[in-house]
Amino acid sequence: MKKAKFWAIVALLCNTAICAAQAPTPSNAPATDTTKKKGSIGVAVKPVRIDFHLVKGETAYQPIYVTNNFSTTMQFKARFMDWMRDSTGGHTYAEPGTFPRSCAKWMSFNKDLIEIEPGKTGEFLVRMKVPDNDSAVQEMKWCLAFIESVAENKAYKPSDSSRAHVRAIMRVGIHILQTPPALADKKDVKMLSFTSVTGEKNKYRILAQNTGETQLECKSFIELRSLTTGSSITIPSIEFPLFPNQKRYMDFTLPDDLPKGKYTATGVVDAQEDDIALQASEATIEIK
C-alpha cells in the first residue's frame, strides 16, 4: 500500500481555534511546516490521508505522527467518525457506522491518548481489519480519524510580547480510504449537465457524477471560443475529489470584461486519469 505524503498544519491564530484538515494536496507537493517559523506556534500532523488496498480478512497498520510545536506539554486524543461530501463539496459528519460505506467499525488505535513534550513528535498507530467476507470488499469504504487536543493549553501569543493564556482546541481530520484491489480499474465519471444558473448573470454550472468504484481527483473548466474573432479563453479550473456515486456541481462566473458577442462554450470534466475519457458539453451563449 502507498504511504501518503501529506502534512496538515494547525496554527494558533485566535483565542479559540477549531480546525479540520482540508482536501489533500497532490502527493508530489512539497511538505511545508509553517508552524516552525520564528514566533509561530501550533501542531503539525501527517499524513492527512491514508490509503488502504486490502482484501477480505486482511489487516494493515499505518502511523499518524503529531508534532507539538507549542512551548508546553500537550495531550491529544484520537477517535474515528463517519463523513460524507455533499454536492457542494461540504462535509457532513456522523457517528461510526452511520453511513453505508463506512469502514469506521473496522478501525482501531493502539492508544486513545498520547502526551507530547514541546518540540517532540508522538505517534498513533492506526489499524484496519477488513472482515473476512465477500461483501466487505464489494465497494470502496471510508471514514475519518480525528486527532484533537485535550483540555486547556497555555502558549505564547505571537502578536504580543507578553505571555497570554490561550485556550486552544485543535482538531485535525485524517481521511482514511479503503479501496479493494479488485476495484482499482473500475473508474468512470459522467457530466450530467452544463447549464446557466437561473437568476445569475453570466454564471454557468457543471454537474458531474462519479459512476465508478474508486475515488477520483477531478477538475472542471469552461472554454469559450468567440464566433466573431475565433479567439479562445479558458475559465480557471476547479479541482475536486469525488467519492463513488457522488454528485458534485461547480459554478463558473464569466469575466466581466468579456467582449460582447456570441461564443461557443464548452464545459469539461477531466478525471485526470489516462484511461478515463474527458466529458464535454457545448452550448452557444451570447454576452450582451
Protein backbone atom coordinates (compact mmCIF):
# COMPACT_ATOMS: atom_id res chain seq x y z
CA MET A 1 0.00 0.00 0.00
CA LYS A 2 1.13 3.53 -0.67
CA LYS A 3 2.02 5.84 2.17
CA ALA A 4 0.51 9.26 1.61
CA LYS A 5 2.96 12.13 1.97
CA PHE A 6 0.86 14.93 3.27
CA TRP A 7 1.07 17.46 6.09
CA ALA A 8 -1.77 19.13 7.93
CA ILE A 9 -0.71 22.26 9.78
CA VAL A 10 -2.81 23.70 12.56
CA ALA A 11 -1.58 27.08 13.78
CA LEU A 12 -2.96 29.03 16.71
CA LEU A 13 -4.27 32.25 15.21
CA CYS A 14 -7.08 33.24 17.57
CA ASN A 15 -8.31 32.68 21.13
CA THR A 16 -10.26 29.58 20.09
CA ALA A 17 -9.01 27.58 17.11
CA ILE A 18 -11.05 24.59 15.95
CA CYS A 19 -9.56 23.30 12.73
CA ALA A 20 -10.16 20.37 10.38
CA ALA A 21 -7.88 19.17 7.57
CA GLN A 22 -8.90 20.14 4.05
CA ALA A 23 -8.81 18.00 0.94
CA PRO A 24 -5.30 16.59 0.43
CA THR A 25 -2.81 18.19 -1.90
CA PRO A 26 -1.10 16.14 -4.60
CA SER A 27 1.42 13.61 -3.27
CA ASN A 28 4.31 15.33 -5.06
CA ALA A 29 3.64 18.68 -3.39
CA PRO A 30 6.41 19.89 -1.04
CA ALA A 31 5.70 19.49 2.65
CA THR A 32 5.74 22.89 4.33
CA ASP A 33 5.52 23.15 8.11
CA THR A 34 4.57 26.78 8.71
CA THR A 35 4.44 26.25 12.47
CA LYS A 36 8.25 26.14 12.56
CA LYS A 37 8.62 29.76 11.52
CA LYS A 38 10.07 32.05 14.17
CA GLY A 39 7.43 33.26 16.62
CA SER A 40 4.82 30.78 15.39
CA ILE A 41 3.14 28.08 17.44
CA GLY A 42 0.96 25.17 16.51
CA VAL A 43 0.68 21.45 15.84
CA ALA A 44 1.73 19.50 12.74
CA VAL A 45 0.01 16.25 11.80
CA LYS A 46 0.93 13.86 8.99
CA PRO A 47 -0.41 12.35 6.86
CA VAL A 48 -3.82 13.91 6.20
CA ARG A 49 -4.83 10.93 4.07
CA ILE A 50 -4.25 7.19 4.45
CA ASP A 51 -5.00 4.79 1.61
CA PHE A 52 -5.58 1.10 2.23
CA HIS A 53 -5.93 -1.50 -0.54
CA LEU A 54 -6.89 -4.63 1.39
CA VAL A 55 -8.63 -7.90 0.53
CA LYS A 56 -11.16 -9.64 2.76
CA GLY A 57 -9.77 -10.80 6.10
CA GLU A 58 -6.60 -8.68 5.76
CA THR A 59 -5.18 -6.41 8.47
CA ALA A 60 -2.81 -3.47 7.97
CA TYR A 61 -1.29 -0.66 10.02
CA GLN A 62 -0.38 2.96 9.30
CA PRO A 63 1.11 5.58 11.66
CA ILE A 64 -0.15 9.11 12.27
CA TYR A 65 2.54 11.50 13.54
CA VAL A 66 1.73 14.50 15.73
CA THR A 67 4.40 17.17 16.39
CA ASN A 68 3.93 19.59 19.29
CA ASN A 69 5.38 23.00 18.39
CA PHE A 70 3.96 24.66 21.50
CA SER A 71 6.12 25.61 24.47
CA THR A 72 4.19 23.36 26.87
CA THR A 73 3.42 19.65 27.03
CA MET A 74 0.14 18.77 25.33
CA GLN A 75 -2.21 15.79 25.26
CA PHE A 76 -4.01 14.55 22.18
CA LYS A 77 -6.85 12.06 21.82
CA ALA A 78 -7.94 10.11 18.76
CA ARG A 79 -11.27 8.82 17.51
CA PHE A 80 -12.99 7.71 14.32
CA MET A 81 -16.02 9.27 12.65
CA ASP A 82 -18.12 8.77 9.53
CA TRP A 83 -18.19 11.51 6.93
CA MET A 84 -19.60 12.37 3.53
CA ARG A 85 -19.19 15.11 0.97
CA ASP A 86 -22.30 16.88 -0.31
CA SER A 87 -22.93 18.25 -3.80
CA THR A 88 -21.08 21.49 -2.98
CA GLY A 89 -18.01 19.73 -1.53
CA GLY A 90 -19.03 20.41 2.07
CA HIS A 91 -18.55 17.75 4.75
CA THR A 92 -21.16 16.02 6.88
CA TYR A 93 -20.03 14.09 9.98
CA ALA A 94 -21.74 11.27 11.87
CA GLU A 95 -21.07 8.58 14.46
CA PRO A 96 -19.12 5.49 13.31
CA GLY A 97 -21.19 3.07 11.26
CA THR A 98 -23.87 5.61 10.29
CA PHE A 99 -23.19 5.79 6.54
CA PRO A 100 -23.45 2.70 4.28
CA ARG A 101 -19.86 2.96 3.01
CA SER A 102 -18.31 3.48 6.45
CA CYS A 103 -15.25 1.49 7.49
CA ALA A 104 -15.05 3.14 10.93
CA LYS A 105 -16.09 -0.06 12.69
CA TRP A 106 -13.07 -1.81 11.17
CA MET A 107 -10.66 0.71 12.65
CA SER A 108 -8.77 0.95 15.94
CA PHE A 109 -5.86 2.87 17.51
CA ASN A 110 -3.06 1.35 19.56
CA LYS A 111 -3.86 4.04 22.15
CA ASP A 112 -6.58 6.64 22.63
CA LEU A 113 -4.42 9.33 24.23
CA ILE A 114 -0.82 10.49 23.92
CA GLU A 115 1.17 13.19 25.72
CA ILE A 116 3.81 15.09 23.74
CA GLU A 117 6.52 17.35 25.14
CA PRO A 118 7.41 20.65 23.42
CA GLY A 119 9.23 20.14 20.13
CA LYS A 120 8.63 16.38 20.18
CA THR A 121 6.65 14.07 17.92
CA GLY A 122 4.18 11.44 19.09
CA GLU A 123 2.54 8.62 17.18
CA PHE A 124 -0.86 6.97 16.90
CA LEU A 125 -0.84 3.61 15.13
CA VAL A 126 -3.96 3.05 13.03
CA ARG A 127 -5.15 -0.49 12.39
CA MET A 128 -7.66 -1.56 9.76
CA LYS A 129 -9.06 -5.10 9.93
CA VAL A 130 -11.31 -5.99 6.99
CA PRO A 131 -13.98 -8.61 7.77
CA ASP A 132 -13.44 -11.99 6.19
CA ASN A 133 -16.45 -11.96 3.87
CA ASP A 134 -17.10 -11.07 0.23
CA SER A 135 -19.49 -8.21 0.99
CA ALA A 136 -16.72 -6.30 2.79
CA VAL A 137 -14.79 -5.82 -0.45
CA GLN A 138 -17.58 -5.23 -2.94
CA GLU A 139 -17.24 -1.44 -2.70
CA MET A 140 -14.91 1.31 -1.57
CA LYS A 141 -15.20 2.33 2.10
CA TRP A 142 -14.00 5.36 4.04
CA CYS A 143 -14.03 7.14 7.39
CA LEU A 144 -12.23 9.94 9.23
CA ALA A 145 -9.70 9.82 12.07
CA PHE A 146 -9.87 12.89 14.31
CA ILE A 147 -6.79 13.96 16.29
CA GLU A 148 -7.65 16.69 18.79
CA SER A 149 -6.05 18.47 21.72
CA VAL A 150 -7.25 17.79 25.25
CA ALA A 151 -8.24 20.35 27.91
CA GLU A 152 -6.57 23.75 28.24
CA ASN A 153 -3.13 24.59 26.90
CA LYS A 154 -1.05 27.69 27.61
CA ALA A 155 1.02 29.25 24.86
CA TYR A 156 2.66 32.45 23.72
CA LYS A 157 0.52 34.67 21.56
CA PRO A 158 2.71 35.57 18.54
CA SER A 159 1.42 39.14 18.20
CA ASP A 160 2.12 40.04 21.85
CA SER A 161 5.43 40.50 23.63
CA SER A 162 3.86 39.38 26.89
CA ARG A 163 2.69 35.87 27.70
CA ALA A 164 -1.01 35.26 27.19
CA HIS A 165 -3.05 32.31 28.38
CA VAL A 166 -4.91 30.97 25.39
CA ARG A 167 -7.44 28.17 25.28
CA ALA A 168 -6.52 26.16 22.20
CA ILE A 169 -8.79 23.43 20.90
CA MET A 170 -7.31 21.92 17.77
CA ARG A 171 -8.82 19.20 15.65
CA VAL A 172 -7.36 17.63 12.51
CA GLY A 173 -9.19 15.13 10.33
CA ILE A 174 -7.27 12.41 8.50
CA HIS A 175 -9.08 10.86 5.54
CA ILE A 176 -8.99 7.04 5.61
CA LEU A 177 -9.84 5.30 2.33
CA GLN A 178 -10.16 1.56 1.71
CA THR A 179 -10.23 0.57 -1.96
CA PRO A 180 -10.24 -3.21 -2.59
CA PRO A 181 -7.65 -4.15 -5.25
CA ALA A 182 -10.34 -5.74 -7.44
CA LEU A 183 -11.95 -2.30 -7.87
CA ALA A 184 -8.79 -0.42 -8.84
CA ASP A 185 -9.62 -0.31 -12.56
CA LYS A 186 -13.32 0.43 -12.21
CA LYS A 187 -13.13 4.16 -12.80
CA ASP A 188 -15.53 6.42 -14.61
CA VAL A 189 -17.07 9.90 -14.43
CA LYS A 190 -20.04 11.45 -16.22
CA MET A 191 -21.10 15.02 -16.86
CA LEU A 192 -24.80 15.14 -16.09
CA SER A 193 -25.48 18.70 -17.19
CA PHE A 194 -24.00 22.02 -18.33
CA THR A 195 -26.44 24.88 -17.83
CA SER A 196 -26.75 28.56 -17.00
CA VAL A 197 -27.58 29.40 -13.38
CA THR A 198 -31.08 30.85 -13.16
CA GLY A 199 -31.13 34.43 -11.96
CA GLU A 200 -27.34 34.83 -12.13
CA LYS A 201 -25.74 36.89 -14.90
CA ASN A 202 -23.03 35.08 -16.89
CA LYS A 203 -22.90 32.20 -14.41
CA TYR A 204 -22.80 28.57 -15.54
CA ARG A 205 -22.97 25.27 -13.69
CA ILE A 206 -21.45 21.88 -14.47
CA LEU A 207 -22.86 18.83 -12.70
CA ALA A 208 -20.70 15.68 -12.56
CA GLN A 209 -21.05 12.23 -11.03
CA ASN A 210 -18.53 9.54 -10.21
CA THR A 211 -20.02 6.43 -11.81
CA GLY A 212 -17.05 4.20 -11.00
CA GLU A 213 -15.96 2.37 -7.85
CA THR A 214 -12.93 4.41 -6.72
CA GLN A 215 -12.38 7.98 -5.58
CA LEU A 216 -11.40 10.36 -8.38
CA GLU A 217 -9.42 13.61 -8.27
CA CYS A 218 -11.17 15.64 -10.93
CA LYS A 219 -11.01 19.11 -12.38
CA SER A 220 -13.58 21.04 -14.35
CA PHE A 221 -13.39 24.14 -16.54
CA ILE A 222 -15.10 26.07 -19.30
CA GLU A 223 -13.56 27.06 -22.63
CA LEU A 224 -15.02 29.92 -24.64
CA ARG A 225 -14.47 30.49 -28.38
CA SER A 226 -15.68 33.72 -29.97
CA LEU A 227 -17.85 33.11 -33.03
CA THR A 228 -16.79 36.58 -34.26
CA THR A 229 -13.00 36.54 -33.91
CA GLY A 230 -12.24 32.87 -33.28
CA SER A 231 -10.24 33.77 -30.18
CA SER A 232 -10.43 31.47 -27.14
CA ILE A 233 -10.38 31.89 -23.39
CA THR A 234 -10.36 29.29 -20.62
CA ILE A 235 -12.15 29.99 -17.35
CA PRO A 236 -9.90 28.93 -14.43
CA SER A 237 -10.48 25.30 -13.46
CA ILE A 238 -11.93 23.94 -10.21
CA GLU A 239 -10.33 20.82 -8.75
CA PHE A 240 -12.38 18.47 -6.58
CA PRO A 241 -12.44 14.88 -5.31
CA LEU A 242 -15.40 12.60 -5.98
CA PHE A 243 -16.40 9.54 -3.98
CA PRO A 244 -18.07 6.67 -5.86
CA ASN A 245 -21.65 7.60 -6.81
CA GLN A 246 -21.17 11.16 -5.54
CA LYS A 247 -22.59 14.09 -7.50
CA ARG A 248 -20.88 17.48 -7.42
CA TYR A 249 -21.67 20.79 -9.08
CA MET A 250 -19.21 23.53 -9.94
CA ASP A 251 -20.25 27.12 -10.65
CA PHE A 252 -18.27 29.35 -13.02
CA THR A 253 -18.68 33.10 -13.47
CA LEU A 254 -17.55 34.52 -16.80
CA PRO A 255 -15.19 37.54 -16.75
CA ASP A 256 -16.84 40.97 -16.56
CA ASP A 257 -14.57 42.28 -19.33
CA LEU A 258 -15.50 39.57 -21.82
CA PRO A 259 -16.22 41.26 -25.22
CA LYS A 260 -19.85 41.25 -26.28
CA GLY A 261 -20.95 38.72 -28.84
CA LYS A 262 -21.73 35.05 -29.34
CA TYR A 263 -19.48 32.26 -28.08
CA THR A 264 -19.26 28.52 -28.16
CA ALA A 265 -18.96 27.47 -24.52
CA THR A 266 -17.52 24.02 -23.80
CA GLY A 267 -17.91 22.63 -20.30
CA VAL A 268 -15.32 19.97 -19.41
CA VAL A 269 -14.92 17.42 -16.63
CA ASP A 270 -11.48 15.79 -16.51
CA ALA A 271 -10.91 12.83 -14.17
CA GLN A 272 -7.15 13.27 -14.71
CA GLU A 273 -6.76 9.56 -15.43
CA ASP A 274 -5.28 8.30 -18.70
CA ASP A 275 -7.92 5.59 -19.06
CA ILE A 276 -10.95 7.86 -18.43
CA ALA A 277 -12.22 9.93 -21.35
CA LEU A 278 -12.87 13.65 -20.95
CA GLN A 279 -16.51 14.59 -20.51
CA ALA A 280 -17.58 17.65 -22.50
CA SER A 281 -20.72 19.50 -23.49
CA GLU A 282 -21.16 22.51 -25.81
CA ALA A 283 -23.60 25.39 -25.83
CA THR A 284 -23.89 28.65 -27.74
CA ILE A 285 -24.13 31.68 -25.47
CA GLU A 286 -24.37 35.41 -26.02
CA ILE A 287 -22.68 38.11 -23.97
CA LYS A 288 -24.70 41.33 -24.05
